[in-house]
Amino acid sequence: MKKKFQRFYEYKCTITEEVFQTTRSAPNPSELMSVRAYYQLHSDHDDRPEAIKKQVQQQEEEVKPVEEMKEEVEDDKTV
């Protein structure tokens, strides 16, 4: 039995710098954006349920302190 080879393509969101994978090649990779970036740009089209919006907001709040700590460490290294 022959194994199927599945190719994955990695792309980087131009707005949030998130890296994500797809199984299809994108015709215009520079125009790709993550779901989070789309809803940041088009907040008036945000039709997600309230529970999802709260969950995403909590995840963003958890990530911010970690990013701030990384910036502080980088600042300390340059001094």
C-alpha atoms as a PDB file:
ATOM      1  CA  MET A   1       0.000   0.000   0.000  1.00  0.00           C
ATOM      2  CA  LYS A   2       1.411   3.358  -1.034  1.00  0.00           C
ATOM      3  CA  LYS A   3       1.616   6.130   1.545  1.00  0.00           C
ATOM      4  CA  LYS A   4       0.225   9.476   0.586  1.00  0.00           C
ATOM      5  CA  PHE A   5       2.625  12.353   0.829  1.00  0.00           C
ATOM      6  CA  GLN A   6       0.948  15.463   2.196  1.00  0.00           C
ATOM      7  CA  ARG A   7       2.828  18.677   1.600  1.00  0.00           C
ATOM      8  CA  PHE A   8       2.464  21.559   4.044  1.00  0.00           C
ATOM      9  CA  TYR A   9       3.106  25.179   3.200  1.00  0.00           C
ATOM     10  CA  GLU A  10       4.088  27.664   5.900  1.00  0.00           C
ATOM     11  CA  TYR A  11       3.016  31.257   5.589  1.00  0.00           C
ATOM     12  CA  LYS A  12       3.457  34.276   7.808  1.00  0.00           C
ATOM     13  CA  CYS A  13       0.677  36.757   8.463  1.00  0.00           C
ATOM     14  CA  THR A  14       1.763  40.194   7.295  1.00  0.00           C
ATOM     15  CA  ILE A  15      -0.031  41.946  10.158  1.00  0.00           C
ATOM     16  CA  THR A  16       0.337  39.789  13.269  1.00  0.00           C
ATOM     17  CA  GLU A  17       3.515  37.930  12.223  1.00  0.00           C
ATOM     18  CA  GLU A  18       1.769  34.633  13.094  1.00  0.00           C
ATOM     19  CA  VAL A  19       3.041  31.569  11.256  1.00  0.00           C
ATOM     20  CA  PHE A  20       0.431  29.124  10.023  1.00  0.00           C
ATOM     21  CA  GLN A  21       0.342  26.062   7.805  1.00  0.00           C
ATOM     22  CA  THR A  22      -1.892  25.112   4.919  1.00  0.00           C
ATOM     23  CA  THR A  23      -2.050  22.087   2.672  1.00  0.00           C
ATOM     24  CA  ARG A  24      -2.531  24.192  -0.446  1.00  0.00           C
ATOM     25  CA  SER A  25      -0.134  26.556  -2.103  1.00  0.00           C
ATOM     26  CA  ALA A  26      -1.337  30.141  -1.948  1.00  0.00           C
ATOM     27  CA  PRO A  27      -1.452  32.063  -5.218  1.00  0.00           C
ATOM     28  CA  ASN A  28      -0.690  35.360  -3.418  1.00  0.00           C
ATOM     29  CA  PRO A  29       1.103  34.612  -0.127  1.00  0.00           C
ATOM     30  CA  SER A  30       1.759  38.300   0.556  1.00  0.00           C
ATOM     31  CA  GLU A  31      -2.002  38.885   0.836  1.00  0.00           C
ATOM     32  CA  LEU A  32      -2.636  36.163   3.419  1.00  0.00           C
ATOM     33  CA  MET A  33      -3.668  37.121   6.921  1.00  0.00           C
ATOM     34  CA  SER A  34      -4.671  35.236  10.024  1.00  0.00           C
ATOM     35  CA  VAL A  35      -8.224  35.100  11.303  1.00  0.00           C
ATOM     36  CA  ARG A  36      -7.242  37.293  14.238  1.00  0.00           C
ATOM     37  CA  ALA A  37      -5.828  39.937  11.878  1.00  0.00           C
ATOM     38  CA  TYR A  38      -8.961  39.833   9.728  1.00  0.00           C
ATOM     39  CA  TYR A  39     -11.211  40.519  12.702  1.00  0.00           C
ATOM     40  CA  GLN A  40      -8.885  43.283  13.899  1.00  0.00           C
ATOM     41  CA  LEU A  41      -9.247  45.010  10.547  1.00  0.00           C
ATOM     42  CA  HIS A  42     -12.954  44.269  10.088  1.00  0.00           C
ATOM     43  CA  SER A  43     -14.387  44.495  13.588  1.00  0.00           C
ATOM     44  CA  ASP A  44     -17.792  45.484  12.186  1.00  0.00           C
ATOM     45  CA  HIS A  45     -18.015  42.069  10.444  1.00  0.00           C
ATOM     46  CA  ASP A  46     -17.214  40.113  13.609  1.00  0.00           C
ATOM     47  CA  ASP A  47     -20.096  37.628  13.759  1.00  0.00           C
ATOM     48  CA  ARG A  48     -18.452  35.175  16.150  1.00  0.00           C
ATOM     49  CA  PRO A  49     -20.365  34.087  19.261  1.00  0.00           C
ATOM     50  CA  GLU A  50     -19.711  36.058  22.453  1.00  0.00           C
ATOM     51  CA  ALA A  51     -18.038  33.045  24.101  1.00  0.00           C
ATOM     52  CA  ILE A  52     -15.442  32.902  21.312  1.00  0.00           C
ATOM     53  CA  LYS A  53     -14.811  36.652  21.516  1.00  0.00           C
ATOM     54  CA  LYS A  54     -14.210  36.404  25.277  1.00  0.00           C
ATOM     55  CA  GLN A  55     -11.899  33.427  24.841  1.00  0.00           C
ATOM     56  CA  VAL A  56      -9.809  35.241  22.220  1.00  0.00           C
ATOM     57  CA  GLN A  57      -9.638  38.358  24.380  1.00  0.00           C
ATOM     58  CA  GLN A  58      -8.398  36.314  27.363  1.00  0.00           C
ATOM     59  CA  GLN A  59      -5.730  34.661  25.211  1.00  0.00           C
ATOM     60  CA  GLU A  60      -4.533  38.055  23.980  1.00  0.00           C
ATOM     61  CA  GLU A  61      -4.333  39.361  27.543  1.00  0.00           C
ATOM     62  CA  GLU A  62      -2.240  36.350  28.575  1.00  0.00           C
ATOM     63  CA  VAL A  63       0.154  36.822  25.665  1.00  0.00           C
ATOM     64  CA  LYS A  64       0.772  40.542  26.264  1.00  0.00           C
ATOM     65  CA  PRO A  65       2.677  40.148  29.565  1.00  0.00           C
ATOM     66  CA  VAL A  66       4.910  37.488  28.021  1.00  0.00           C
ATOM     67  CA  GLU A  67       5.726  39.750  25.072  1.00  0.00           C
ATOM     68  CA  GLU A  68       6.458  42.639  27.439  1.00  0.00           C
ATOM     69  CA  MET A  69       8.843  40.447  29.425  1.00  0.00           C
ATOM     70  CA  LYS A  70      10.651  39.451  26.222  1.00  0.00           C
ATOM     71  CA  GLU A  71      11.043  43.114  25.271  1.00  0.00           C
ATOM     72  CA  GLU A  72      12.458  43.927  28.720  1.00  0.00           C
ATOM     73  CA  VAL A  73      15.003  41.114  28.424  1.00  0.00           C
ATOM     74  CA  GLU A  74      16.023  42.338  24.967  1.00  0.00           C
ATOM     75  CA  ASP A  75      16.346  45.903  26.279  1.00  0.00           C
ATOM     76  CA  ASP A  76      18.576  44.681  29.118  1.00  0.00           C
ATOM     77  CA  LYS A  77      20.833  42.903  26.651  1.00  0.00           C
ATOM     78  CA  THR A  78      21.366  46.048  24.571  1.00  0.00           C
ATOM     79  CA  VAL A  79      22.335  48.165  27.603  1.00  0.00           C
END
